[in-house]
């Protein structure tokens, strides 16, 4: 089946919608948090570790996808289903990494408003992943089996 390659048909509106959300997640904790760039509070140090872990998870997801990497939720027409690297443990590690880093960033800055923004971003990525998975199921006959075995965001949980 031929694939329409327009911005909208590839899921470009999802990409556009996540930009302001990600900006909020970055700016709100700095503006409305009680923390600082050099953390002093133990909770802030936990946030630093979570932010770094999220960044590593994002990088591992990028490396695991290789040439199949696209900013759009619709998979590339000529890509194969990746079940290697971090994709052995979770179906959406890049989204998971962004969500973990967002939560960490809010903790780093000791920001309740930042935590709410991170939660909003998590809900957004859950919806975006649902849409992406509809396309993945259509493109890969073995995606349903993969989805039954590998959790969406958190290995063994969700």
C-alpha atoms as a PDB file:
ATOM      1  CA  UNK A   1       0.000   0.000   0.000  1.00  0.00           C
ATOM      2  CA  UNK A   2       1.532   3.394  -0.978  1.00  0.00           C
ATOM      3  CA  UNK A   3       2.232   5.743   1.902  1.00  0.00           C
ATOM      4  CA  UNK A   4       1.298   9.434   1.719  1.00  0.00           C
ATOM      5  CA  UNK A   5       4.400  11.408   2.670  1.00  0.00           C
ATOM      6  CA  UNK A   6       2.786  14.708   3.575  1.00  0.00           C
ATOM      7  CA  UNK A   7       3.722  16.341   6.870  1.00  0.00           C
ATOM      8  CA  UNK A   8       0.270  15.709   8.356  1.00  0.00           C
ATOM      9  CA  UNK A   9      -0.028  12.098   7.175  1.00  0.00           C
ATOM     10  CA  UNK A  10       3.337  11.247   8.768  1.00  0.00           C
ATOM     11  CA  UNK A  11       2.078  12.554  12.115  1.00  0.00           C
ATOM     12  CA  UNK A  12       3.616  16.002  11.872  1.00  0.00           C
ATOM     13  CA  UNK A  13       0.886  17.576  13.981  1.00  0.00           C
ATOM     14  CA  UNK A  14       1.948  15.329  16.869  1.00  0.00           C
ATOM     15  CA  UNK A  15       5.515  16.573  16.451  1.00  0.00           C
ATOM     16  CA  UNK A  16       4.364  20.201  16.399  1.00  0.00           C
ATOM     17  CA  UNK A  17       2.185  19.698  19.488  1.00  0.00           C
ATOM     18  CA  UNK A  18       5.047  18.251  21.525  1.00  0.00           C
ATOM     19  CA  UNK A  19       7.332  21.260  20.963  1.00  0.00           C
ATOM     20  CA  UNK A  20       5.458  23.696  23.247  1.00  0.00           C
ATOM     21  CA  UNK A  21       4.918  20.939  25.815  1.00  0.00           C
ATOM     22  CA  UNK A  22       8.629  20.176  25.920  1.00  0.00           C
ATOM     23  CA  UNK A  23       9.415  23.887  26.222  1.00  0.00           C
ATOM     24  CA  UNK A  24       7.008  24.119  29.171  1.00  0.00           C
ATOM     25  CA  UNK A  25       8.660  21.124  30.814  1.00  0.00           C
ATOM     26  CA  UNK A  26      12.029  22.837  30.481  1.00  0.00           C
ATOM     27  CA  UNK A  27      11.086  26.424  31.413  1.00  0.00           C
ATOM     28  CA  UNK A  28       8.409  26.046  34.110  1.00  0.00           C
ATOM     29  CA  UNK A  29      10.640  24.279  36.683  1.00  0.00           C
ATOM     30  CA  UNK A  30      13.336  26.940  36.338  1.00  0.00           C
ATOM     31  CA  UNK A  31      10.822  29.769  36.616  1.00  0.00           C
ATOM     32  CA  UNK A  32       8.585  28.317  39.329  1.00  0.00           C
ATOM     33  CA  UNK A  33      10.902  26.005  41.250  1.00  0.00           C
ATOM     34  CA  UNK A  34      12.758  26.470  44.513  1.00  0.00           C
ATOM     35  CA  UNK A  35      15.917  24.736  43.289  1.00  0.00           C
ATOM     36  CA  UNK A  36      19.004  25.909  41.477  1.00  0.00           C
ATOM     37  CA  UNK A  37      21.412  24.719  38.804  1.00  0.00           C
ATOM     38  CA  UNK A  38      23.784  23.293  41.441  1.00  0.00           C
ATOM     39  CA  UNK A  39      21.496  21.076  43.535  1.00  0.00           C
ATOM     40  CA  UNK A  40      21.677  21.222  47.319  1.00  0.00           C
ATOM     41  CA  UNK A  41      18.607  19.233  48.350  1.00  0.00           C
ATOM     42  CA  UNK A  42      18.721  15.379  48.206  1.00  0.00           C
ATOM     43  CA  UNK A  43      15.524  15.368  46.120  1.00  0.00           C
ATOM     44  CA  UNK A  44      17.232  17.690  43.652  1.00  0.00           C
ATOM     45  CA  UNK A  45      20.165  15.277  43.387  1.00  0.00           C
ATOM     46  CA  UNK A  46      17.700  12.476  42.653  1.00  0.00           C
ATOM     47  CA  UNK A  47      16.332  14.734  39.917  1.00  0.00           C
ATOM     48  CA  UNK A  48      19.818  15.176  38.452  1.00  0.00           C
ATOM     49  CA  UNK A  49      20.270  11.391  38.318  1.00  0.00           C
ATOM     50  CA  UNK A  50      16.826  10.913  36.726  1.00  0.00           C
ATOM     51  CA  UNK A  51      17.542  13.625  34.144  1.00  0.00           C
ATOM     52  CA  UNK A  52      20.860  12.025  33.212  1.00  0.00           C
ATOM     53  CA  UNK A  53      19.299   8.542  33.094  1.00  0.00           C
ATOM     54  CA  UNK A  54      16.551   9.876  30.823  1.00  0.00           C
ATOM     55  CA  UNK A  55      19.166  11.379  28.515  1.00  0.00           C
ATOM     56  CA  UNK A  56      21.029   8.061  28.346  1.00  0.00           C
ATOM     57  CA  UNK A  57      17.789   6.228  27.581  1.00  0.00           C
ATOM     58  CA  UNK A  58      17.047   8.673  24.754  1.00  0.00           C
ATOM     59  CA  UNK A  59      20.547   8.170  23.317  1.00  0.00           C
ATOM     60  CA  UNK A  60      20.214   4.368  23.544  1.00  0.00           C
ATOM     61  CA  UNK A  61      16.868   4.587  21.749  1.00  0.00           C
ATOM     62  CA  UNK A  62      18.403   6.703  18.966  1.00  0.00           C
ATOM     63  CA  UNK A  63      21.301   4.275  18.561  1.00  0.00           C
ATOM     64  CA  UNK A  64      19.025   1.222  18.609  1.00  0.00           C
ATOM     65  CA  UNK A  65      16.810   2.632  15.834  1.00  0.00           C
ATOM     66  CA  UNK A  66      19.660   3.590  13.525  1.00  0.00           C
ATOM     67  CA  UNK A  67      18.383   4.386  10.013  1.00  0.00           C
ATOM     68  CA  UNK A  68      14.765   3.841  11.082  1.00  0.00           C
ATOM     69  CA  UNK A  69      14.887   6.964  13.281  1.00  0.00           C
ATOM     70  CA  UNK A  70      12.338   9.604  12.334  1.00  0.00           C
ATOM     71  CA  UNK A  71      10.824  12.488  14.290  1.00  0.00           C
ATOM     72  CA  UNK A  72       7.393  11.442  13.002  1.00  0.00           C
ATOM     73  CA  UNK A  73       5.244   8.823  14.704  1.00  0.00           C
ATOM     74  CA  UNK A  74       4.481   7.042  11.419  1.00  0.00           C
ATOM     75  CA  UNK A  75       7.289   4.537  10.755  1.00  0.00           C
ATOM     76  CA  UNK A  76       9.354   4.881   7.603  1.00  0.00           C
ATOM     77  CA  UNK A  77       7.944   2.797   4.748  1.00  0.00           C
ATOM     78  CA  UNK A  78      11.169   0.837   4.222  1.00  0.00           C
ATOM     79  CA  UNK A  79      12.049   0.375   7.910  1.00  0.00           C
ATOM     80  CA  UNK A  80      12.013  -2.946   9.688  1.00  0.00           C
ATOM     81  CA  UNK A  81      10.572  -3.554  13.133  1.00  0.00           C
ATOM     82  CA  UNK A  82      13.345  -3.022  15.680  1.00  0.00           C
ATOM     83  CA  UNK A  83      13.379  -5.416  18.602  1.00  0.00           C
ATOM     84  CA  UNK A  84      17.061  -5.057  19.442  1.00  0.00           C
ATOM     85  CA  UNK A  85      18.969  -2.804  21.791  1.00  0.00           C
ATOM     86  CA  UNK A  86      16.703  -0.999  24.229  1.00  0.00           C
ATOM     87  CA  UNK A  87      13.665  -2.087  22.169  1.00  0.00           C
ATOM     88  CA  UNK A  88      14.040  -5.522  23.788  1.00  0.00           C
ATOM     89  CA  UNK A  89      12.884  -3.925  27.050  1.00  0.00           C
ATOM     90  CA  UNK A  90      10.365  -1.253  26.037  1.00  0.00           C
ATOM     91  CA  UNK A  91       8.511  -0.258  22.892  1.00  0.00           C
ATOM     92  CA  UNK A  92       9.003   3.519  23.207  1.00  0.00           C
ATOM     93  CA  UNK A  93      12.337   4.162  24.946  1.00  0.00           C
ATOM     94  CA  UNK A  94      12.803   7.648  23.495  1.00  0.00           C
ATOM     95  CA  UNK A  95       9.445   8.771  24.876  1.00  0.00           C
ATOM     96  CA  UNK A  96      10.277   7.029  28.162  1.00  0.00           C
ATOM     97  CA  UNK A  97      13.609   8.831  28.306  1.00  0.00           C
ATOM     98  CA  UNK A  98      12.011  12.220  27.677  1.00  0.00           C
ATOM     99  CA  UNK A  99       9.406  11.535  30.373  1.00  0.00           C
ATOM    100  CA  UNK A 100      12.057  10.380  32.878  1.00  0.00           C
ATOM    101  CA  UNK A 101      14.252  13.389  32.122  1.00  0.00           C
ATOM    102  CA  UNK A 102      11.234  15.694  32.476  1.00  0.00           C
ATOM    103  CA  UNK A 103      10.354  14.296  35.887  1.00  0.00           C
ATOM    104  CA  UNK A 104      13.991  14.523  36.886  1.00  0.00           C
ATOM    105  CA  UNK A 105      14.252  18.116  35.694  1.00  0.00           C
ATOM    106  CA  UNK A 106      11.211  19.087  37.776  1.00  0.00           C
ATOM    107  CA  UNK A 107      12.729  17.413  40.858  1.00  0.00           C
ATOM    108  CA  UNK A 108      16.113  19.004  40.154  1.00  0.00           C
ATOM    109  CA  UNK A 109      14.425  22.408  40.381  1.00  0.00           C
ATOM    110  CA  UNK A 110      12.082  21.323  43.226  1.00  0.00           C
ATOM    111  CA  UNK A 111       9.109  22.432  41.163  1.00  0.00           C
ATOM    112  CA  UNK A 112       5.564  21.198  41.741  1.00  0.00           C
ATOM    113  CA  UNK A 113       4.446  23.111  38.629  1.00  0.00           C
ATOM    114  CA  UNK A 114       7.226  21.335  36.728  1.00  0.00           C
ATOM    115  CA  UNK A 115       5.969  17.963  37.954  1.00  0.00           C
ATOM    116  CA  UNK A 116       2.500  18.819  36.648  1.00  0.00           C
ATOM    117  CA  UNK A 117       3.982  19.783  33.266  1.00  0.00           C
ATOM    118  CA  UNK A 118       5.953  16.516  33.195  1.00  0.00           C
ATOM    119  CA  UNK A 119       2.729  14.623  33.931  1.00  0.00           C
ATOM    120  CA  UNK A 120       0.990  16.455  31.087  1.00  0.00           C
ATOM    121  CA  UNK A 121       3.865  15.540  28.756  1.00  0.00           C
ATOM    122  CA  UNK A 122       3.579  11.904  29.892  1.00  0.00           C
ATOM    123  CA  UNK A 123      -0.124  11.851  29.043  1.00  0.00           C
ATOM    124  CA  UNK A 124       0.658  13.386  25.672  1.00  0.00           C
ATOM    125  CA  UNK A 125       3.304  10.734  24.885  1.00  0.00           C
ATOM    126  CA  UNK A 126       0.923   7.974  25.955  1.00  0.00           C
ATOM    127  CA  UNK A 127      -1.618   9.247  23.393  1.00  0.00           C
ATOM    128  CA  UNK A 128       1.043   9.779  20.731  1.00  0.00           C
ATOM    129  CA  UNK A 129       2.372   6.248  21.288  1.00  0.00           C
ATOM    130  CA  UNK A 130      -1.165   4.859  20.919  1.00  0.00           C
ATOM    131  CA  UNK A 131      -1.477   6.544  17.521  1.00  0.00           C
ATOM    132  CA  UNK A 132       2.006   5.422  16.503  1.00  0.00           C
ATOM    133  CA  UNK A 133       1.205   1.850  17.451  1.00  0.00           C
ATOM    134  CA  UNK A 134      -1.843   1.807  15.198  1.00  0.00           C
ATOM    135  CA  UNK A 135       0.494   2.568  12.297  1.00  0.00           C
ATOM    136  CA  UNK A 136       3.048   0.031  13.520  1.00  0.00           C
ATOM    137  CA  UNK A 137       0.393  -2.706  13.705  1.00  0.00           C
ATOM    138  CA  UNK A 138      -0.619  -1.989  10.108  1.00  0.00           C
ATOM    139  CA  UNK A 139       2.964  -1.964   8.857  1.00  0.00           C
ATOM    140  CA  UNK A 140       4.322  -4.987  10.755  1.00  0.00           C
ATOM    141  CA  UNK A 141       2.343  -8.203  10.995  1.00  0.00           C
ATOM    142  CA  UNK A 142       4.364  -9.284  14.045  1.00  0.00           C
ATOM    143  CA  UNK A 143       3.888  -6.027  16.005  1.00  0.00           C
ATOM    144  CA  UNK A 144       0.948  -7.359  18.038  1.00  0.00           C
ATOM    145  CA  UNK A 145       3.095 -10.277  19.252  1.00  0.00           C
ATOM    146  CA  UNK A 146       5.915  -7.877  20.128  1.00  0.00           C
ATOM    147  CA  UNK A 147       3.494  -5.606  22.016  1.00  0.00           C
ATOM    148  CA  UNK A 148       2.198  -8.559  24.057  1.00  0.00           C
ATOM    149  CA  UNK A 149       5.724  -9.370  25.242  1.00  0.00           C
ATOM    150  CA  UNK A 150       7.367  -5.935  25.597  1.00  0.00           C
ATOM    151  CA  UNK A 151       5.778  -3.153  27.689  1.00  0.00           C
ATOM    152  CA  UNK A 152       5.210   0.331  26.293  1.00  0.00           C
ATOM    153  CA  UNK A 153       7.230   2.600  28.605  1.00  0.00           C
ATOM    154  CA  UNK A 154       8.353   0.818  31.787  1.00  0.00           C
ATOM    155  CA  UNK A 155       9.840  -2.685  31.501  1.00  0.00           C
ATOM    156  CA  UNK A 156       7.591  -5.229  33.200  1.00  0.00           C
ATOM    157  CA  UNK A 157       4.986  -2.634  34.256  1.00  0.00           C
ATOM    158  CA  UNK A 158       3.510  -0.425  31.552  1.00  0.00           C
END
